PDB file of N, CA and C in Angstrom:
ATOM      1  N   MET A   1     -30.587  -1.680  49.366  1.00  0.00           N
ATOM      2  CA  MET A   1     -30.656  -3.106  49.617  1.00  0.00           C
ATOM      3  C   MET A   1     -31.917  -3.388  50.444  1.00  0.00           C
ATOM      4  N   THR A   2     -32.629  -4.408  50.083  1.00  0.00           N
ATOM      5  CA  THR A   2     -33.865  -4.741  50.786  1.00  0.00           C
ATOM      6  C   THR A   2     -33.569  -5.423  52.118  1.00  0.00           C
ATOM      7  N   ILE A   3     -34.576  -5.479  52.964  1.00  0.00           N
ATOM      8  CA  ILE A   3     -34.423  -6.168  54.245  1.00  0.00           C
ATOM      9  C   ILE A   3     -34.111  -7.639  54.019  1.00  0.00           C
ATOM     10  N   ASN A   4     -34.796  -8.268  53.068  1.00  0.00           N
ATOM     11  CA  ASN A   4     -34.531  -9.678  52.781  1.00  0.00           C
ATOM     12  C   ASN A   4     -33.073  -9.896  52.378  1.00  0.00           C
ATOM     13  N   ALA A   5     -32.576  -9.071  51.481  1.00  0.00           N
ATOM     14  CA  ALA A   5     -31.195  -9.218  51.019  1.00  0.00           C
ATOM     15  C   ALA A   5     -30.204  -8.975  52.149  1.00  0.00           C
ATOM     16  N   THR A   6     -30.471  -7.974  52.971  1.00  0.00           N
ATOM     17  CA  THR A   6     -29.590  -7.666  54.089  1.00  0.00           C
ATOM     18  C   THR A   6     -29.546  -8.812  55.090  1.00  0.00           C
ATOM     19  N   LEU A   7     -30.706  -9.322  55.475  1.00  0.00           N
ATOM     20  CA  LEU A   7     -30.748 -10.437  56.427  1.00  0.00           C
ATOM     21  C   LEU A   7     -30.106 -11.692  55.847  1.00  0.00           C
ATOM     22  N   LYS A   8     -30.374 -11.965  54.592  1.00  0.00           N
ATOM     23  CA  LYS A   8     -29.789 -13.140  53.939  1.00  0.00           C
ATOM     24  C   LYS A   8     -28.266 -13.050  53.962  1.00  0.00           C
ATOM     25  N   ASN A   9     -27.719 -11.892  53.586  1.00  0.00           N
ATOM     26  CA  ASN A   9     -26.267 -11.709  53.605  1.00  0.00           C
ATOM     27  C   ASN A   9     -25.705 -11.828  55.011  1.00  0.00           C
ATOM     28  N   LEU A  10     -26.363 -11.230  55.971  1.00  0.00           N
ATOM     29  CA  LEU A  10     -25.907 -11.271  57.356  1.00  0.00           C
ATOM     30  C   LEU A  10     -25.864 -12.702  57.884  1.00  0.00           C
ATOM     31  N   ILE A  11     -26.922 -13.454  57.629  1.00  0.00           N
ATOM     32  CA  ILE A  11     -27.016 -14.828  58.131  1.00  0.00           C
ATOM     33  C   ILE A  11     -26.032 -15.746  57.413  1.00  0.00           C
ATOM     34  N   LYS A  12     -26.010 -15.695  56.094  1.00  0.00           N
ATOM     35  CA  LYS A  12     -25.159 -16.604  55.318  1.00  0.00           C
ATOM     36  C   LYS A  12     -23.671 -16.268  55.428  1.00  0.00           C
ATOM     37  N   ASN A  13     -23.310 -15.001  55.355  1.00  0.00           N
ATOM     38  CA  ASN A  13     -21.898 -14.620  55.372  1.00  0.00           C
ATOM     39  C   ASN A  13     -21.244 -14.795  56.732  1.00  0.00           C
ATOM     40  N   ASN A  14     -22.042 -14.839  57.786  1.00  0.00           N
ATOM     41  CA  ASN A  14     -21.500 -14.982  59.133  1.00  0.00           C
ATOM     42  C   ASN A  14     -21.807 -16.338  59.746  1.00  0.00           C
ATOM     43  N   ASN A  15     -22.341 -17.253  58.943  1.00  0.00           N
ATOM     44  CA  ASN A  15     -22.681 -18.603  59.408  1.00  0.00           C
ATOM     45  C   ASN A  15     -23.523 -18.587  60.678  1.00  0.00           C
ATOM     46  N   LEU A  16     -24.522 -17.731  60.703  1.00  0.00           N
ATOM     47  CA  LEU A  16     -25.405 -17.630  61.859  1.00  0.00           C
ATOM     48  C   LEU A  16     -26.521 -18.659  61.759  1.00  0.00           C
ATOM     49  N   TYR A  17     -26.927 -19.185  62.898  1.00  0.00           N
ATOM     50  CA  TYR A  17     -28.067 -20.088  62.957  1.00  0.00           C
ATOM     51  C   TYR A  17     -29.223 -19.316  63.578  1.00  0.00           C
ATOM     52  N   VAL A  18     -30.232 -19.047  62.788  1.00  0.00           N
ATOM     53  CA  VAL A  18     -31.385 -18.269  63.239  1.00  0.00           C
ATOM     54  C   VAL A  18     -32.610 -19.163  63.193  1.00  0.00           C
ATOM     55  N   LYS A  19     -33.293 -19.298  64.333  1.00  0.00           N
ATOM     56  CA  LYS A  19     -34.500 -20.121  64.393  1.00  0.00           C
ATOM     57  C   LYS A  19     -35.757 -19.292  64.225  1.00  0.00           C
ATOM     58  N   THR A  20     -35.784 -18.100  64.832  1.00  0.00           N
ATOM     59  CA  THR A  20     -36.979 -17.263  64.792  1.00  0.00           C
ATOM     60  C   THR A  20     -36.601 -15.795  64.610  1.00  0.00           C
ATOM     61  N   ILE A  21     -37.555 -15.052  64.060  1.00  0.00           N
ATOM     62  CA  ILE A  21     -37.453 -13.598  63.961  1.00  0.00           C
ATOM     63  C   ILE A  21     -38.809 -13.043  64.367  1.00  0.00           C
ATOM     64  N   THR A  22     -38.802 -12.066  65.263  1.00  0.00           N
ATOM     65  CA  THR A  22     -40.034 -11.391  65.655  1.00  0.00           C
ATOM     66  C   THR A  22     -40.044 -10.016  65.009  1.00  0.00           C
ATOM     67  N   ILE A  23     -41.117  -9.738  64.294  1.00  0.00           N
ATOM     68  CA  ILE A  23     -41.217  -8.474  63.569  1.00  0.00           C
ATOM     69  C   ILE A  23     -42.508  -7.761  63.947  1.00  0.00           C
ATOM     70  N   ASP A  24     -42.564  -6.485  63.598  1.00  0.00           N
ATOM     71  CA  ASP A  24     -43.829  -5.775  63.757  1.00  0.00           C
ATOM     72  C   ASP A  24     -44.579  -5.867  62.430  1.00  0.00           C
ATOM     73  N   ASN A  25     -45.628  -5.137  62.284  1.00  0.00           N
ATOM     74  CA  ASN A  25     -46.463  -5.249  61.093  1.00  0.00           C
ATOM     75  C   ASN A  25     -46.182  -4.159  60.061  1.00  0.00           C
ATOM     76  N   GLY A  26     -44.974  -3.619  60.082  1.00  0.00           N
ATOM     77  CA  GLY A  26     -44.599  -2.583  59.128  1.00  0.00           C
ATOM     78  C   GLY A  26     -44.508  -3.119  57.712  1.00  0.00           C
ATOM     79  N   ILE A  27     -44.720  -2.233  56.748  1.00  0.00           N
ATOM     80  CA  ILE A  27     -44.701  -2.658  55.346  1.00  0.00           C
ATOM     81  C   ILE A  27     -43.312  -3.108  54.900  1.00  0.00           C
ATOM     82  N   GLU A  28     -42.278  -2.707  55.639  1.00  0.00           N
ATOM     83  CA  GLU A  28     -40.928  -3.124  55.265  1.00  0.00           C
ATOM     84  C   GLU A  28     -40.724  -4.630  55.431  1.00  0.00           C
ATOM     85  N   PHE A  29     -41.623  -5.288  56.164  1.00  0.00           N
ATOM     86  CA  PHE A  29     -41.507  -6.727  56.392  1.00  0.00           C
ATOM     87  C   PHE A  29     -42.520  -7.542  55.596  1.00  0.00           C
ATOM     88  N   GLU A  30     -43.179  -6.945  54.629  1.00  0.00           N
ATOM     89  CA  GLU A  30     -44.268  -7.645  53.941  1.00  0.00           C
ATOM     90  C   GLU A  30     -43.801  -8.870  53.159  1.00  0.00           C
ATOM     91  N   LYS A  31     -42.553  -8.903  52.719  1.00  0.00           N
ATOM     92  CA  LYS A  31     -42.066 -10.040  51.927  1.00  0.00           C
ATOM     93  C   LYS A  31     -41.046 -10.892  52.673  1.00  0.00           C
ATOM     94  N   ILE A  32     -40.993 -10.768  53.983  1.00  0.00           N
ATOM     95  CA  ILE A  32     -40.000 -11.522  54.741  1.00  0.00           C
ATOM     96  C   ILE A  32     -40.318 -13.018  54.766  1.00  0.00           C
ATOM     97  N   GLY A  33     -41.552 -13.373  54.460  1.00  0.00           N
ATOM     98  CA  GLY A  33     -41.932 -14.781  54.405  1.00  0.00           C
ATOM     99  C   GLY A  33     -41.137 -15.562  53.375  1.00  0.00           C
ATOM    100  N   ILE A  34     -40.755 -14.906  52.291  1.00  0.00           N
ATOM    101  CA  ILE A  34     -39.934 -15.546  51.254  1.00  0.00           C
ATOM    102  C   ILE A  34     -38.585 -15.949  51.841  1.00  0.00           C
ATOM    103  N   LEU A  35     -37.958 -15.024  52.548  1.00  0.00           N
ATOM    104  CA  LEU A  35     -36.674 -15.302  53.181  1.00  0.00           C
ATOM    105  C   LEU A  35     -36.821 -16.376  54.246  1.00  0.00           C
ATOM    106  N   ALA A  36     -37.864 -16.275  55.045  1.00  0.00           N
ATOM    107  CA  ALA A  36     -38.077 -17.241  56.119  1.00  0.00           C
ATOM    108  C   ALA A  36     -38.232 -18.654  55.573  1.00  0.00           C
ATOM    109  N   LYS A  37     -38.944 -18.778  54.495  1.00  0.00           N
ATOM    110  CA  LYS A  37     -39.134 -20.098  53.882  1.00  0.00           C
ATOM    111  C   LYS A  37     -37.810 -20.621  53.325  1.00  0.00           C
ATOM    112  N   TRP A  38     -37.058 -19.770  52.686  1.00  0.00           N
ATOM    113  CA  TRP A  38     -35.789 -20.158  52.085  1.00  0.00           C
ATOM    114  C   TRP A  38     -34.775 -20.596  53.139  1.00  0.00           C
ATOM    115  N   LEU A  39     -34.756 -19.895  54.292  1.00  0.00           N
ATOM    116  CA  LEU A  39     -33.793 -20.196  55.352  1.00  0.00           C
ATOM    117  C   LEU A  39     -34.375 -21.058  56.470  1.00  0.00           C
ATOM    118  N   ASN A  40     -35.621 -21.472  56.331  1.00  0.00           N
ATOM    119  CA  ASN A  40     -36.296 -22.296  57.339  1.00  0.00           C
ATOM    120  C   ASN A  40     -36.324 -21.596  58.708  1.00  0.00           C
ATOM    121  N   ILE A  41     -36.800 -20.357  58.700  1.00  0.00           N
ATOM    122  CA  ILE A  41     -36.899 -19.538  59.909  1.00  0.00           C
ATOM    123  C   ILE A  41     -38.370 -19.321  60.225  1.00  0.00           C
ATOM    124  N   LYS A  42     -38.730 -19.427  61.496  1.00  0.00           N
ATOM    125  CA  LYS A  42     -40.099 -19.171  61.944  1.00  0.00           C
ATOM    126  C   LYS A  42     -40.250 -17.668  62.194  1.00  0.00           C
ATOM    127  N   ILE A  43     -41.292 -17.086  61.620  1.00  0.00           N
ATOM    128  CA  ILE A  43     -41.564 -15.656  61.780  1.00  0.00           C
ATOM    129  C   ILE A  43     -42.720 -15.471  62.749  1.00  0.00           C
ATOM    130  N   TYR A  44     -42.519 -14.606  63.726  1.00  0.00           N
ATOM    131  CA  TYR A  44     -43.577 -14.218  64.647  1.00  0.00           C
ATOM    132  C   TYR A  44     -43.888 -12.751  64.413  1.00  0.00           C
ATOM    133  N   ARG A  45     -45.153 -12.450  64.288  1.00  0.00           N
ATOM    134  CA  ARG A  45     -45.582 -11.057  64.117  1.00  0.00           C
ATOM    135  C   ARG A  45     -46.190 -10.569  65.426  1.00  0.00           C
ATOM    136  N   ALA A  46     -45.654  -9.474  65.926  1.00  0.00           N
ATOM    137  CA  ALA A  46     -46.180  -8.882  67.147  1.00  0.00           C
ATOM    138  C   ALA A  46     -47.522  -8.220  66.853  1.00  0.00           C
ATOM    139  N   GLU A  47     -48.387  -8.259  67.816  1.00  0.00           N
ATOM    140  CA  GLU A  47     -49.695  -7.628  67.670  1.00  0.00           C
ATOM    141  C   GLU A  47     -49.550  -6.111  67.756  1.00  0.00           C
ATOM    142  N   PRO A  48     -50.414  -5.363  67.069  1.00  0.00           N
ATOM    143  CA  PRO A  48     -50.357  -3.905  67.140  1.00  0.00           C
ATOM    144  C   PRO A  48     -50.482  -3.407  68.587  1.00  0.00           C
ATOM    145  N   TYR A  49     -49.729  -2.368  68.895  1.00  0.00           N
ATOM    146  CA  TYR A  49     -49.737  -1.724  70.214  1.00  0.00           C
ATOM    147  C   TYR A  49     -49.289  -2.670  71.319  1.00  0.00           C
ATOM    148  N   SER A  50     -48.459  -3.643  70.995  1.00  0.00           N
ATOM    149  CA  SER A  50     -47.953  -4.597  71.984  1.00  0.00           C
ATOM    150  C   SER A  50     -46.427  -4.599  71.945  1.00  0.00           C
ATOM    151  N   SER A  51     -45.836  -3.481  72.284  1.00  0.00           N
ATOM    152  CA  SER A  51     -44.382  -3.367  72.203  1.00  0.00           C
ATOM    153  C   SER A  51     -43.674  -4.365  73.107  1.00  0.00           C
ATOM    154  N   PHE A  52     -44.335  -4.828  74.162  1.00  0.00           N
ATOM    155  CA  PHE A  52     -43.728  -5.805  75.061  1.00  0.00           C
ATOM    156  C   PHE A  52     -43.442  -7.127  74.348  1.00  0.00           C
ATOM    157  N   GLN A  53     -44.097  -7.384  73.226  1.00  0.00           N
ATOM    158  CA  GLN A  53     -43.848  -8.613  72.475  1.00  0.00           C
ATOM    159  C   GLN A  53     -42.547  -8.526  71.677  1.00  0.00           C
ATOM    160  N   ARG A  54     -42.003  -7.331  71.543  1.00  0.00           N
ATOM    161  CA  ARG A  54     -40.749  -7.125  70.822  1.00  0.00           C
ATOM    162  C   ARG A  54     -39.745  -6.451  71.752  1.00  0.00           C
ATOM    163  N   GLY A  55     -39.650  -6.922  72.945  1.00  0.00           N
ATOM    164  CA  GLY A  55     -38.878  -6.259  73.990  1.00  0.00           C
ATOM    165  C   GLY A  55     -37.442  -5.933  73.654  1.00  0.00           C
ATOM    166  N   SER A  56     -36.755  -6.802  72.953  1.00  0.00           N
ATOM    167  CA  SER A  56     -35.340  -6.559  72.707  1.00  0.00           C
ATOM    168  C   SER A  56     -35.083  -5.538  71.604  1.00  0.00           C
ATOM    169  N   ASN A  57     -36.096  -5.163  70.851  1.00  0.00           N
ATOM    170  CA  ASN A  57     -35.865  -4.175  69.792  1.00  0.00           C
ATOM    171  C   ASN A  57     -36.710  -2.922  69.966  1.00  0.00           C
ATOM    172  N   GLU A  58     -37.170  -2.682  71.161  1.00  0.00           N
ATOM    173  CA  GLU A  58     -37.941  -1.475  71.452  1.00  0.00           C
ATOM    174  C   GLU A  58     -37.165  -0.587  72.413  1.00  0.00           C
ATOM    175  N   ASN A  59     -37.318   0.705  72.249  1.00  0.00           N
ATOM    176  CA  ASN A  59     -36.733   1.660  73.188  1.00  0.00           C
ATOM    177  C   ASN A  59     -37.727   1.896  74.308  1.00  0.00           C
ATOM    178  N   TRP A  60     -37.289   1.798  75.515  1.00  0.00           N
ATOM    179  CA  TRP A  60     -38.187   1.968  76.666  1.00  0.00           C
ATOM    180  C   TRP A  60     -38.031   3.331  77.238  1.00  0.00           C
TER     181      TRP A  60
END
């Protein structure tokens, strides 16, 4: 299952309201813009070597 499909199912099946998603620049997120447009979600891309911009999903 793709990341887009997984996020779409998670958001829609659980009636979640998501305003933003912060991602890194990995290739697994290259098509997330399609999902973001469909669900009206703002995507923020963290700058390379800036783990502090993704604080809640980084291991310290």
